[in-house]
Amino acid sequence: MLEISSAIEFAVLKLKVTDIIVCGHSNCGALQALCGDERELEGMPHLRDWLNIASSVKETVAKVCSGFGTEYCRRIAEEENILAQLKNIQTYPFVARTLNEGRLYLHGWYYKIETGDVSAYNPNEEMFEVIVYSGTTTKQTIYRKD
């Protein structure tokens, strides 16, 4: 994870980026592995470590998806992972500081490979909504630390 944290640190502190997008996607093999049999991860210690970061996602899916089909549970896992990573990125002190100063915005996006649709997390509605391009640009805070 050092590579990821180094890239975020460089982007925020040196490049002074104002927006970070955490983008998940449909049919995510890593999240299928997260919700699958742990024995399938034997011999893959790096993947196992990465999936440990998303352990809260597995717990949420287990609670929410009881009695629902596989497709629904996959989508919940994919969306919950985006939200979990948005929370995780805020644990970096430099990210928390720049968020609080209003110099950084976090966005959670979900890309549906089958259709090409991109949805953005709307914290006011607590759901992902399809982004519709209207030909104008607007600055929208999709996710902010409270």
N, C-alpha and C. Protein backbone atom coordinates (compact mmCIF):
# COMPACT_ATOMS: atom_id res chain seq x y z
N MET A 1 0.81 -1.20 0.00
CA MET A 1 0.00 0.00 0.00
C MET A 1 0.86 1.27 0.00
N LEU A 2 2.17 1.10 0.18
CA LEU A 2 3.06 2.24 0.20
C LEU A 2 2.99 3.03 -1.10
N GLU A 3 2.85 2.32 -2.23
CA GLU A 3 2.79 3.00 -3.52
C GLU A 3 1.57 3.91 -3.59
N ILE A 4 0.45 3.43 -3.10
CA ILE A 4 -0.78 4.21 -3.15
C ILE A 4 -0.68 5.43 -2.25
N SER A 5 -0.24 5.23 -1.02
CA SER A 5 -0.15 6.36 -0.09
C SER A 5 0.86 7.38 -0.58
N SER A 6 1.95 6.94 -1.19
CA SER A 6 2.94 7.86 -1.73
C SER A 6 2.36 8.69 -2.87
N ALA A 7 1.59 8.07 -3.73
CA ALA A 7 0.97 8.78 -4.85
C ALA A 7 -0.04 9.81 -4.35
N ILE A 8 -0.83 9.43 -3.36
CA ILE A 8 -1.81 10.37 -2.80
C ILE A 8 -1.11 11.54 -2.13
N GLU A 9 -0.07 11.23 -1.37
CA GLU A 9 0.69 12.28 -0.68
C GLU A 9 1.29 13.27 -1.69
N PHE A 10 1.90 12.75 -2.74
CA PHE A 10 2.50 13.61 -3.76
C PHE A 10 1.43 14.46 -4.45
N ALA A 11 0.31 13.84 -4.79
CA ALA A 11 -0.76 14.56 -5.49
C ALA A 11 -1.33 15.69 -4.63
N VAL A 12 -1.57 15.42 -3.37
CA VAL A 12 -2.20 16.40 -2.49
C VAL A 12 -1.22 17.49 -2.07
N LEU A 13 -0.03 17.10 -1.65
CA LEU A 13 0.91 18.08 -1.09
C LEU A 13 1.77 18.79 -2.13
N LYS A 14 2.19 18.09 -3.16
CA LYS A 14 3.07 18.70 -4.15
C LYS A 14 2.30 19.26 -5.34
N LEU A 15 1.41 18.45 -5.90
CA LEU A 15 0.66 18.89 -7.08
C LEU A 15 -0.56 19.74 -6.72
N LYS A 16 -0.94 19.70 -5.44
CA LYS A 16 -2.08 20.50 -4.95
C LYS A 16 -3.38 20.17 -5.69
N VAL A 17 -3.60 18.87 -5.95
CA VAL A 17 -4.86 18.48 -6.58
C VAL A 17 -6.02 18.90 -5.68
N THR A 18 -7.14 19.22 -6.29
CA THR A 18 -8.31 19.65 -5.52
C THR A 18 -9.37 18.57 -5.43
N ASP A 19 -9.25 17.54 -6.25
CA ASP A 19 -10.25 16.49 -6.29
C ASP A 19 -9.59 15.12 -6.37
N ILE A 20 -10.10 14.19 -5.58
CA ILE A 20 -9.68 12.79 -5.67
C ILE A 20 -10.94 11.96 -5.90
N ILE A 21 -10.88 11.13 -6.91
CA ILE A 21 -12.00 10.26 -7.24
C ILE A 21 -11.62 8.83 -6.88
N VAL A 22 -12.43 8.20 -6.06
CA VAL A 22 -12.31 6.77 -5.79
C VAL A 22 -13.35 6.11 -6.69
N CYS A 23 -12.87 5.35 -7.66
CA CYS A 23 -13.78 4.78 -8.66
C CYS A 23 -13.73 3.26 -8.60
N GLY A 24 -14.86 2.67 -8.30
CA GLY A 24 -15.00 1.22 -8.35
C GLY A 24 -15.72 0.84 -9.63
N HIS A 25 -15.85 -0.45 -9.85
CA HIS A 25 -16.49 -0.89 -11.09
C HIS A 25 -17.23 -2.21 -10.90
N SER A 26 -18.10 -2.46 -11.83
CA SER A 26 -18.86 -3.71 -11.80
C SER A 26 -17.94 -4.89 -12.11
N ASN A 27 -18.37 -6.06 -11.71
CA ASN A 27 -17.63 -7.31 -11.96
C ASN A 27 -16.21 -7.27 -11.40
N CYS A 28 -16.04 -6.66 -10.25
CA CYS A 28 -14.73 -6.52 -9.63
C CYS A 28 -14.28 -7.88 -9.08
N GLY A 29 -13.23 -8.40 -9.67
CA GLY A 29 -12.72 -9.71 -9.25
C GLY A 29 -12.21 -9.72 -7.82
N ALA A 30 -11.61 -8.62 -7.38
CA ALA A 30 -11.09 -8.55 -6.01
C ALA A 30 -12.24 -8.65 -5.00
N LEU A 31 -13.34 -7.98 -5.28
CA LEU A 31 -14.46 -8.04 -4.34
C LEU A 31 -15.17 -9.38 -4.41
N GLN A 32 -15.14 -10.03 -5.57
CA GLN A 32 -15.65 -11.39 -5.65
C GLN A 32 -14.79 -12.30 -4.78
N ALA A 33 -13.48 -12.06 -4.79
CA ALA A 33 -12.58 -12.84 -3.94
C ALA A 33 -12.85 -12.55 -2.46
N LEU A 34 -13.12 -11.29 -2.14
CA LEU A 34 -13.41 -10.90 -0.76
C LEU A 34 -14.61 -11.68 -0.22
N CYS A 35 -15.62 -11.82 -1.03
CA CYS A 35 -16.85 -12.47 -0.60
C CYS A 35 -16.83 -13.98 -0.84
N GLY A 36 -15.73 -14.47 -1.41
CA GLY A 36 -15.63 -15.88 -1.72
C GLY A 36 -14.91 -16.68 -0.64
N ASP A 37 -14.50 -17.86 -1.01
CA ASP A 37 -13.80 -18.78 -0.12
C ASP A 37 -12.37 -18.31 0.09
N GLU A 38 -11.98 -18.11 1.34
CA GLU A 38 -10.63 -17.62 1.65
C GLU A 38 -9.54 -18.58 1.20
N ARG A 39 -9.87 -19.84 1.05
CA ARG A 39 -8.86 -20.82 0.60
C ARG A 39 -8.39 -20.51 -0.82
N GLU A 40 -9.22 -19.80 -1.59
CA GLU A 40 -8.83 -19.44 -2.95
C GLU A 40 -7.72 -18.40 -2.97
N LEU A 41 -7.45 -17.78 -1.82
CA LEU A 41 -6.42 -16.75 -1.73
C LEU A 41 -5.07 -17.29 -1.30
N GLU A 42 -4.97 -18.61 -1.11
CA GLU A 42 -3.70 -19.22 -0.73
C GLU A 42 -2.66 -18.91 -1.79
N GLY A 43 -1.48 -18.52 -1.34
CA GLY A 43 -0.41 -18.17 -2.26
C GLY A 43 -0.51 -16.76 -2.81
N MET A 44 -1.48 -15.98 -2.32
CA MET A 44 -1.63 -14.59 -2.78
C MET A 44 -1.65 -13.65 -1.57
N PRO A 45 -0.52 -13.52 -0.88
CA PRO A 45 -0.50 -12.72 0.34
C PRO A 45 -0.78 -11.23 0.12
N HIS A 46 -0.38 -10.68 -1.01
CA HIS A 46 -0.60 -9.26 -1.26
C HIS A 46 -2.08 -8.97 -1.49
N LEU A 47 -2.74 -9.84 -2.23
CA LEU A 47 -4.17 -9.68 -2.44
C LEU A 47 -4.90 -9.85 -1.11
N ARG A 48 -4.50 -10.83 -0.34
CA ARG A 48 -5.12 -11.04 0.98
C ARG A 48 -4.97 -9.80 1.87
N ASP A 49 -3.79 -9.19 1.87
CA ASP A 49 -3.57 -7.97 2.66
C ASP A 49 -4.46 -6.84 2.18
N TRP A 50 -4.57 -6.67 0.85
CA TRP A 50 -5.41 -5.62 0.30
C TRP A 50 -6.87 -5.86 0.68
N LEU A 51 -7.30 -7.10 0.63
CA LEU A 51 -8.69 -7.42 0.98
C LEU A 51 -8.98 -7.20 2.46
N ASN A 52 -7.95 -7.33 3.30
CA ASN A 52 -8.15 -7.06 4.73
C ASN A 52 -8.58 -5.62 4.97
N ILE A 53 -8.10 -4.71 4.14
CA ILE A 53 -8.52 -3.31 4.26
C ILE A 53 -10.02 -3.18 4.04
N ALA A 54 -10.58 -4.05 3.23
CA ALA A 54 -12.01 -4.00 2.90
C ALA A 54 -12.83 -4.97 3.75
N SER A 55 -12.30 -5.42 4.88
CA SER A 55 -13.04 -6.40 5.70
C SER A 55 -14.39 -5.86 6.17
N SER A 56 -14.50 -4.55 6.38
CA SER A 56 -15.78 -3.99 6.80
C SER A 56 -16.83 -4.17 5.70
N VAL A 57 -16.38 -4.18 4.47
CA VAL A 57 -17.30 -4.38 3.34
C VAL A 57 -17.90 -5.78 3.41
N LYS A 58 -17.07 -6.76 3.70
CA LYS A 58 -17.54 -8.14 3.79
C LYS A 58 -18.58 -8.27 4.90
N GLU A 59 -18.34 -7.62 6.03
CA GLU A 59 -19.29 -7.64 7.15
C GLU A 59 -20.62 -6.99 6.77
N THR A 60 -20.56 -5.85 6.08
CA THR A 60 -21.78 -5.15 5.65
C THR A 60 -22.56 -6.00 4.67
N VAL A 61 -21.87 -6.59 3.73
CA VAL A 61 -22.54 -7.43 2.73
C VAL A 61 -23.22 -8.61 3.41
N ALA A 62 -22.57 -9.20 4.38
CA ALA A 62 -23.15 -10.34 5.10
C ALA A 62 -24.44 -9.93 5.81
N LYS A 63 -24.47 -8.73 6.37
CA LYS A 63 -25.67 -8.25 7.06
C LYS A 63 -26.79 -7.88 6.10
N VAL A 64 -26.45 -7.16 5.04
CA VAL A 64 -27.44 -6.58 4.14
C VAL A 64 -27.98 -7.58 3.13
N CYS A 65 -27.15 -8.52 2.71
CA CYS A 65 -27.49 -9.35 1.56
C CYS A 65 -28.14 -10.69 1.90
N SER A 66 -28.41 -10.92 3.14
CA SER A 66 -29.03 -12.20 3.50
C SER A 66 -30.35 -12.37 2.75
N GLY A 67 -30.41 -13.41 1.96
CA GLY A 67 -31.64 -13.72 1.23
C GLY A 67 -31.74 -13.07 -0.15
N PHE A 68 -30.73 -12.30 -0.53
CA PHE A 68 -30.74 -11.67 -1.85
C PHE A 68 -29.85 -12.44 -2.80
N GLY A 69 -30.03 -12.19 -4.09
CA GLY A 69 -29.25 -12.86 -5.11
C GLY A 69 -27.82 -12.37 -5.21
N THR A 70 -27.01 -13.15 -5.90
CA THR A 70 -25.58 -12.87 -6.04
C THR A 70 -25.33 -11.52 -6.71
N GLU A 71 -26.06 -11.20 -7.75
CA GLU A 71 -25.84 -9.95 -8.49
C GLU A 71 -26.06 -8.73 -7.59
N TYR A 72 -27.12 -8.77 -6.80
CA TYR A 72 -27.41 -7.68 -5.87
C TYR A 72 -26.28 -7.56 -4.85
N CYS A 73 -25.83 -8.66 -4.32
CA CYS A 73 -24.78 -8.65 -3.30
C CYS A 73 -23.45 -8.15 -3.87
N ARG A 74 -23.15 -8.50 -5.11
CA ARG A 74 -21.93 -7.99 -5.75
C ARG A 74 -21.98 -6.47 -5.86
N ARG A 75 -23.13 -5.96 -6.30
CA ARG A 75 -23.26 -4.50 -6.46
C ARG A 75 -23.12 -3.80 -5.11
N ILE A 76 -23.73 -4.36 -4.08
CA ILE A 76 -23.61 -3.78 -2.74
C ILE A 76 -22.15 -3.78 -2.31
N ALA A 77 -21.45 -4.87 -2.53
CA ALA A 77 -20.04 -4.96 -2.15
C ALA A 77 -19.21 -3.93 -2.90
N GLU A 78 -19.46 -3.77 -4.18
CA GLU A 78 -18.70 -2.82 -4.99
C GLU A 78 -18.94 -1.39 -4.52
N GLU A 79 -20.19 -1.05 -4.23
CA GLU A 79 -20.50 0.31 -3.77
C GLU A 79 -19.97 0.54 -2.35
N GLU A 80 -20.14 -0.43 -1.48
CA GLU A 80 -19.66 -0.29 -0.10
C GLU A 80 -18.15 -0.16 -0.05
N ASN A 81 -17.45 -0.82 -0.96
CA ASN A 81 -16.00 -0.70 -1.00
C ASN A 81 -15.59 0.73 -1.36
N ILE A 82 -16.28 1.35 -2.27
CA ILE A 82 -15.98 2.75 -2.61
C ILE A 82 -16.12 3.63 -1.38
N LEU A 83 -17.21 3.45 -0.64
CA LEU A 83 -17.44 4.25 0.56
C LEU A 83 -16.38 3.95 1.63
N ALA A 84 -16.01 2.69 1.76
CA ALA A 84 -14.98 2.33 2.74
C ALA A 84 -13.64 2.97 2.38
N GLN A 85 -13.31 3.00 1.09
CA GLN A 85 -12.04 3.60 0.68
C GLN A 85 -12.07 5.12 0.82
N LEU A 86 -13.24 5.73 0.65
CA LEU A 86 -13.35 7.17 0.90
C LEU A 86 -13.09 7.48 2.37
N LYS A 87 -13.58 6.62 3.25
CA LYS A 87 -13.30 6.81 4.68
C LYS A 87 -11.83 6.56 4.97
N ASN A 88 -11.29 5.51 4.35
CA ASN A 88 -9.90 5.15 4.58
C ASN A 88 -8.94 6.27 4.16
N ILE A 89 -9.19 6.88 3.03
CA ILE A 89 -8.28 7.92 2.54
C ILE A 89 -8.25 9.11 3.50
N GLN A 90 -9.30 9.29 4.26
CA GLN A 90 -9.36 10.41 5.20
C GLN A 90 -8.53 10.15 6.46
N THR A 91 -7.99 8.94 6.61
CA THR A 91 -7.15 8.66 7.76
C THR A 91 -5.74 9.23 7.59
N TYR A 92 -5.39 9.62 6.37
CA TYR A 92 -4.10 10.27 6.15
C TYR A 92 -4.22 11.70 6.68
N PRO A 93 -3.34 12.10 7.60
CA PRO A 93 -3.45 13.44 8.20
C PRO A 93 -3.45 14.57 7.17
N PHE A 94 -2.65 14.46 6.12
CA PHE A 94 -2.61 15.53 5.11
C PHE A 94 -3.90 15.61 4.32
N VAL A 95 -4.58 14.48 4.13
CA VAL A 95 -5.88 14.49 3.46
C VAL A 95 -6.92 15.13 4.37
N ALA A 96 -6.96 14.70 5.63
CA ALA A 96 -7.92 15.26 6.59
C ALA A 96 -7.74 16.77 6.71
N ARG A 97 -6.51 17.21 6.78
CA ARG A 97 -6.23 18.64 6.92
C ARG A 97 -6.72 19.43 5.70
N THR A 98 -6.39 18.97 4.50
CA THR A 98 -6.80 19.71 3.31
C THR A 98 -8.30 19.64 3.07
N LEU A 99 -8.93 18.55 3.50
CA LEU A 99 -10.40 18.49 3.46
C LEU A 99 -11.00 19.56 4.38
N ASN A 100 -10.50 19.61 5.60
CA ASN A 100 -11.01 20.57 6.58
C ASN A 100 -10.76 22.02 6.15
N GLU A 101 -9.69 22.24 5.42
CA GLU A 101 -9.38 23.58 4.92
C GLU A 101 -10.19 23.94 3.68
N GLY A 102 -10.95 22.98 3.14
CA GLY A 102 -11.75 23.22 1.94
C GLY A 102 -10.95 23.26 0.65
N ARG A 103 -9.75 22.70 0.69
CA ARG A 103 -8.89 22.69 -0.51
C ARG A 103 -8.91 21.35 -1.23
N LEU A 104 -9.65 20.39 -0.70
CA LEU A 104 -9.70 19.06 -1.30
C LEU A 104 -11.12 18.52 -1.22
N TYR A 105 -11.53 17.87 -2.29
CA TYR A 105 -12.85 17.25 -2.36
C TYR A 105 -12.68 15.78 -2.75
N LEU A 106 -13.44 14.93 -2.11
CA LEU A 106 -13.42 13.50 -2.42
C LEU A 106 -14.71 13.12 -3.13
N HIS A 107 -14.57 12.26 -4.13
CA HIS A 107 -15.71 11.82 -4.91
C HIS A 107 -15.71 10.30 -4.98
N GLY A 108 -16.86 9.69 -4.84
CA GLY A 108 -17.00 8.26 -4.99
C GLY A 108 -17.77 7.95 -6.26
N TRP A 109 -17.14 7.28 -7.19
CA TRP A 109 -17.78 6.95 -8.46
C TRP A 109 -17.85 5.44 -8.64
N TYR A 110 -18.88 5.02 -9.36
CA TYR A 110 -19.07 3.60 -9.69
C TYR A 110 -19.24 3.49 -11.20
N TYR A 111 -18.38 2.70 -11.85
CA TYR A 111 -18.43 2.51 -13.29
C TYR A 111 -19.06 1.16 -13.61
N LYS A 112 -20.16 1.19 -14.33
CA LYS A 112 -20.82 -0.05 -14.73
C LYS A 112 -20.30 -0.42 -16.12
N ILE A 113 -19.43 -1.40 -16.16
CA ILE A 113 -18.75 -1.79 -17.38
C ILE A 113 -19.74 -2.16 -18.50
N GLU A 114 -20.80 -2.85 -18.15
CA GLU A 114 -21.73 -3.36 -19.15
C GLU A 114 -22.41 -2.24 -19.95
N THR A 115 -22.65 -1.10 -19.33
CA THR A 115 -23.39 -0.02 -19.99
C THR A 115 -22.56 1.24 -20.22
N GLY A 116 -21.44 1.35 -19.53
CA GLY A 116 -20.63 2.57 -19.61
C GLY A 116 -21.12 3.67 -18.69
N ASP A 117 -22.16 3.41 -17.93
CA ASP A 117 -22.68 4.42 -17.00
C ASP A 117 -21.72 4.64 -15.84
N VAL A 118 -21.61 5.89 -15.42
CA VAL A 118 -20.84 6.25 -14.23
C VAL A 118 -21.81 6.88 -13.25
N SER A 119 -21.79 6.38 -12.03
CA SER A 119 -22.64 6.92 -10.97
C SER A 119 -21.76 7.56 -9.91
N ALA A 120 -22.26 8.64 -9.32
CA ALA A 120 -21.55 9.35 -8.26
C ALA A 120 -22.33 9.18 -6.97
N TYR A 121 -21.59 9.02 -5.87
CA TYR A 121 -22.24 8.90 -4.57
C TYR A 121 -22.78 10.25 -4.14
N ASN A 122 -24.04 10.28 -3.77
CA ASN A 122 -24.69 11.47 -3.25
C ASN A 122 -24.92 11.26 -1.76
N PRO A 123 -24.14 11.91 -0.91
CA PRO A 123 -24.28 11.67 0.53
C PRO A 123 -25.60 12.16 1.10
N ASN A 124 -26.22 13.14 0.44
CA ASN A 124 -27.52 13.62 0.92
C ASN A 124 -28.60 12.57 0.74
N GLU A 125 -28.52 11.82 -0.33
CA GLU A 125 -29.50 10.76 -0.61
C GLU A 125 -28.99 9.39 -0.16
N GLU A 126 -27.71 9.32 0.21
CA GLU A 126 -27.05 8.07 0.59
C GLU A 126 -27.19 7.00 -0.48
N MET A 127 -26.92 7.40 -1.71
CA MET A 127 -27.01 6.46 -2.83
C MET A 127 -26.15 6.94 -4.00
N PHE A 128 -25.87 6.02 -4.90
CA PHE A 128 -25.14 6.36 -6.12
C PHE A 128 -26.16 6.75 -7.18
N GLU A 129 -25.88 7.85 -7.87
CA GLU A 129 -26.77 8.35 -8.92
C GLU A 129 -26.00 8.46 -10.22
N VAL A 130 -26.63 8.05 -11.32
CA VAL A 130 -25.98 8.11 -12.62
C VAL A 130 -25.66 9.56 -12.96
N ILE A 131 -24.42 9.79 -13.41
CA ILE A 131 -24.00 11.13 -13.82
C ILE A 131 -24.51 11.37 -15.23
N VAL A 132 -25.19 12.47 -15.39
CA VAL A 132 -25.70 12.85 -16.71
C VAL A 132 -25.00 14.13 -17.12
N TYR A 133 -24.30 14.09 -18.24
CA TYR A 133 -23.59 15.25 -18.72
C TYR A 133 -24.57 16.17 -19.44
N SER A 134 -24.62 17.41 -19.00
CA SER A 134 -25.58 18.35 -19.59
C SER A 134 -24.93 19.38 -20.50
N GLY A 135 -23.63 19.25 -20.71
CA GLY A 135 -22.93 20.20 -21.56
C GLY A 135 -22.35 21.37 -20.80
N THR A 136 -22.62 21.44 -19.50
CA THR A 136 -22.02 22.50 -18.67
C THR A 136 -21.23 21.83 -17.58
N THR A 137 -20.28 22.54 -17.04
CA THR A 137 -19.50 21.98 -15.94
C THR A 137 -19.87 22.68 -14.66
N THR A 138 -19.97 21.90 -13.61
CA THR A 138 -20.24 22.45 -12.30
C THR A 138 -19.36 21.76 -11.29
N LYS A 139 -18.99 22.45 -10.25
CA LYS A 139 -18.20 21.87 -9.16
C LYS A 139 -19.19 21.28 -8.17
N GLN A 140 -19.10 20.02 -7.93
CA GLN A 140 -20.04 19.36 -7.02
C GLN A 140 -19.26 18.55 -5.99
N THR A 141 -19.52 18.81 -4.73
CA THR A 141 -18.91 18.03 -3.67
C THR A 141 -19.75 16.77 -3.49
N ILE A 142 -19.16 15.65 -3.83
CA ILE A 142 -19.88 14.39 -3.74
C ILE A 142 -19.73 13.80 -2.34
N TYR A 143 -18.58 13.95 -1.74
CA TYR A 143 -18.35 13.36 -0.42
C TYR A 143 -17.43 14.27 0.35
N ARG A 144 -17.85 14.68 1.50
CA ARG A 144 -17.02 15.54 2.35
C ARG A 144 -17.02 14.99 3.76
N LYS A 145 -15.90 15.12 4.40
CA LYS A 145 -15.81 14.73 5.80
C LYS A 145 -16.66 15.69 6.61
N ASP A 146 -17.49 15.13 7.49
CA ASP A 146 -18.34 15.98 8.34
C ASP A 146 -17.58 16.53 9.50
